[in-house]
Amino acid sequence: MTSRRLFITQGVTTLIASSQEEALTSERSASDDWLVKRVSDARYETLSLGRVRYAHAHEAQIEPRVAQSPTQISLVPGDAIVLRPPVEPETAEELCQSVMTWRGRQDHVWLRNGDEFSGTFLYLDIRFVSFQAFGVVVKTPRYLTRAIRLGLERSARL
């Protein structure tokens, strides 16, 4: 199947055709979660996942709108998951740029109230996002979490 990839480069959004796994698409609904991957220093791609059911350090289980059953996808250091992204294109682009310009070595989480913190991402499920930060395990309700970015040196820590 051919799906489309959404590339955002310096404020310009472009849709191009690309062969991709059937589960990933750029055709979005308001309830879709996104996977954001860096393509180059100035460019990243945003792929619609449907709904992320579960995620941990190396993979996520998604429930895509275009496939019948849950699908596993691999996550690599630097990948980000955006949960229920903003509907307004400008706000969504600002969030993706903020997530992709963060260059920390640790995993990072952005909350809907504007707070953010670094730590070690443990897991995400249908109810909570769990991080180890500040010397304790921090669980935030999923609906209060905006985005999670895997740290650039995650593989060295696991």
Protein backbone atom coordinates (compact mmCIF):
# COMPACT_ATOMS: atom_id res chain seq x y z
CA MET A 1 0.00 0.00 0.00
CA THR A 2 1.18 3.53 -0.66
CA SER A 3 0.69 6.04 2.08
CA ARG A 4 1.72 9.64 2.40
CA ARG A 5 4.37 11.20 4.61
CA LEU A 6 4.04 14.64 6.06
CA PHE A 7 7.30 16.60 6.00
CA ILE A 8 7.61 19.87 7.88
CA THR A 9 10.64 21.93 6.88
CA GLN A 10 11.23 25.41 8.24
CA GLY A 11 7.54 26.20 8.52
CA VAL A 12 6.50 24.60 5.21
CA THR A 13 4.35 21.48 5.29
CA THR A 14 4.57 19.16 2.29
CA LEU A 15 2.72 15.92 1.62
CA ILE A 16 4.58 13.42 -0.58
CA ALA A 17 3.83 9.84 -1.61
CA SER A 18 5.96 7.09 -0.12
CA SER A 19 5.65 3.36 0.35
CA GLN A 20 5.13 2.71 4.07
CA GLU A 21 3.76 0.01 6.26
CA GLU A 22 -0.03 -0.03 6.00
CA ALA A 23 -0.40 1.00 9.65
CA LEU A 24 1.31 4.38 9.19
CA THR A 25 -0.49 7.12 7.32
CA SER A 26 -0.68 10.89 7.13
CA GLU A 27 -4.46 10.85 6.84
CA ARG A 28 -5.34 11.96 10.35
CA SER A 29 -8.35 12.20 12.56
CA ALA A 30 -8.62 14.25 15.74
CA SER A 31 -8.02 11.13 17.83
CA ASP A 32 -4.79 9.99 16.13
CA ASP A 33 -1.46 9.87 17.92
CA TRP A 34 1.67 10.72 15.92
CA LEU A 35 5.15 9.30 15.56
CA VAL A 36 7.65 12.07 14.84
CA LYS A 37 11.01 11.03 13.33
CA ARG A 38 14.01 13.18 12.42
CA VAL A 39 14.93 12.98 8.73
CA SER A 40 17.75 15.54 8.83
CA ASP A 41 18.79 18.49 10.99
CA ALA A 42 16.25 20.76 9.30
CA ARG A 43 13.49 18.25 8.58
CA TYR A 44 11.32 15.70 10.34
CA GLU A 45 8.41 13.51 9.35
CA THR A 46 5.12 13.06 11.13
CA LEU A 47 3.30 9.75 10.72
CA SER A 48 -0.19 9.10 12.00
CA LEU A 49 -0.37 6.00 14.20
CA GLY A 50 -4.05 5.75 14.99
CA ARG A 51 -4.04 5.16 18.77
CA VAL A 52 -0.97 4.07 20.72
CA ARG A 53 -2.17 1.33 23.08
CA TYR A 54 1.14 0.62 24.81
CA ALA A 55 4.74 1.78 24.45
CA HIS A 56 8.05 1.26 26.17
CA ALA A 57 11.69 2.00 25.36
CA HIS A 58 11.98 0.08 22.08
CA GLU A 59 8.52 -0.44 20.63
CA ALA A 60 4.91 0.62 20.64
CA GLN A 61 1.72 -1.29 20.04
CA ILE A 62 -0.67 0.76 17.95
CA GLU A 63 -4.26 0.38 16.92
CA PRO A 64 -4.25 1.88 13.43
CA ARG A 65 -7.41 3.06 11.76
CA VAL A 66 -6.43 1.38 8.48
CA ALA A 67 -5.56 -2.10 9.80
CA GLN A 68 -7.77 -4.65 11.51
CA SER A 69 -5.51 -5.67 14.39
CA PRO A 70 -2.95 -4.02 16.67
CA THR A 71 0.48 -3.58 15.08
CA GLN A 72 3.95 -3.40 16.65
CA ILE A 73 6.31 -0.63 15.54
CA SER A 74 9.94 -0.11 16.56
CA LEU A 75 11.07 3.00 18.39
CA VAL A 76 14.64 4.30 18.18
CA PRO A 77 16.49 7.00 20.16
CA GLY A 78 15.30 10.41 19.02
CA ASP A 79 11.78 9.25 18.10
CA ALA A 80 8.84 11.06 19.65
CA ILE A 81 5.22 10.11 20.27
CA VAL A 82 2.71 12.95 20.26
CA LEU A 83 -0.55 12.05 22.02
CA ARG A 84 -3.70 13.65 20.59
CA PRO A 85 -1.88 16.48 18.80
CA PRO A 86 -3.41 19.93 18.45
CA VAL A 87 -5.95 20.30 15.65
CA GLU A 88 -4.70 23.73 14.56
CA PRO A 89 -1.84 23.25 12.03
CA GLU A 90 0.28 26.10 13.42
CA THR A 91 0.04 24.81 16.99
CA ALA A 92 0.76 21.25 15.88
CA GLU A 93 3.80 22.40 13.93
CA GLU A 94 5.10 24.42 16.90
CA LEU A 95 4.76 21.37 19.15
CA CYS A 96 6.58 19.09 16.66
CA GLN A 97 9.37 21.64 16.21
CA SER A 98 9.75 21.96 19.99
CA VAL A 99 9.88 18.19 20.39
CA MET A 100 12.37 17.67 17.56
CA THR A 101 14.71 20.53 18.50
CA TRP A 102 15.14 19.18 22.03
CA ARG A 103 18.61 17.61 22.08
CA GLY A 104 18.81 16.08 25.55
CA ARG A 105 20.46 12.79 26.30
CA GLN A 106 17.61 11.70 28.58
CA ASP A 107 14.03 10.95 27.61
CA HIS A 108 11.72 13.96 27.87
CA VAL A 109 7.99 14.49 28.42
CA TRP A 110 5.81 17.52 27.64
CA LEU A 111 2.58 17.94 29.58
CA ARG A 112 -0.56 19.73 28.36
CA ASN A 113 -0.22 22.44 31.05
CA GLY A 114 3.17 23.48 29.59
CA ASP A 115 5.35 21.67 32.14
CA GLU A 116 8.11 19.40 30.90
CA PHE A 117 10.77 17.25 32.50
CA SER A 118 13.53 14.77 31.68
CA GLY A 119 14.09 11.29 33.04
CA THR A 120 13.81 7.70 31.88
CA PHE A 121 10.65 6.75 29.99
CA LEU A 122 9.31 3.49 31.44
CA TYR A 123 6.01 2.90 29.63
CA LEU A 124 2.79 4.32 28.29
CA ASP A 125 -0.53 2.50 28.43
CA ILE A 126 -4.18 3.47 27.96
CA ARG A 127 -4.27 5.25 31.34
CA PHE A 128 -0.80 6.46 32.35
CA VAL A 129 2.65 7.57 31.20
CA SER A 130 5.39 6.43 33.58
CA PHE A 131 8.82 8.05 33.90
CA GLN A 132 11.62 7.69 36.38
CA ALA A 133 12.56 11.26 37.34
CA PHE A 134 13.64 13.11 40.45
CA GLY A 135 14.66 9.76 41.99
CA VAL A 136 11.11 8.34 41.92
CA VAL A 137 8.66 6.85 39.44
CA VAL A 138 6.35 9.60 38.15
CA LYS A 139 3.00 8.50 36.69
CA THR A 140 0.98 11.11 34.84
CA PRO A 141 -2.46 10.50 33.37
CA ARG A 142 -2.22 9.94 29.64
CA TYR A 143 -4.76 12.68 28.90
CA LEU A 144 -2.44 15.23 30.58
CA THR A 145 0.58 14.19 28.50
CA ARG A 146 1.28 15.97 25.22
CA ALA A 147 4.47 14.28 23.92
CA ILE A 148 7.32 11.91 24.79
CA ARG A 149 10.73 11.99 23.13
CA LEU A 150 13.25 9.18 23.53
CA GLY A 151 16.70 10.46 24.51
CA LEU A 152 19.51 10.47 21.99
CA GLU A 153 21.64 8.13 24.10
CA ARG A 154 18.86 5.81 25.22
CA SER A 155 20.45 2.63 23.83
CA ALA A 156 23.60 3.16 25.92
CA ARG A 157 21.52 3.27 29.12
CA LEU A 158 19.52 0.07 28.53
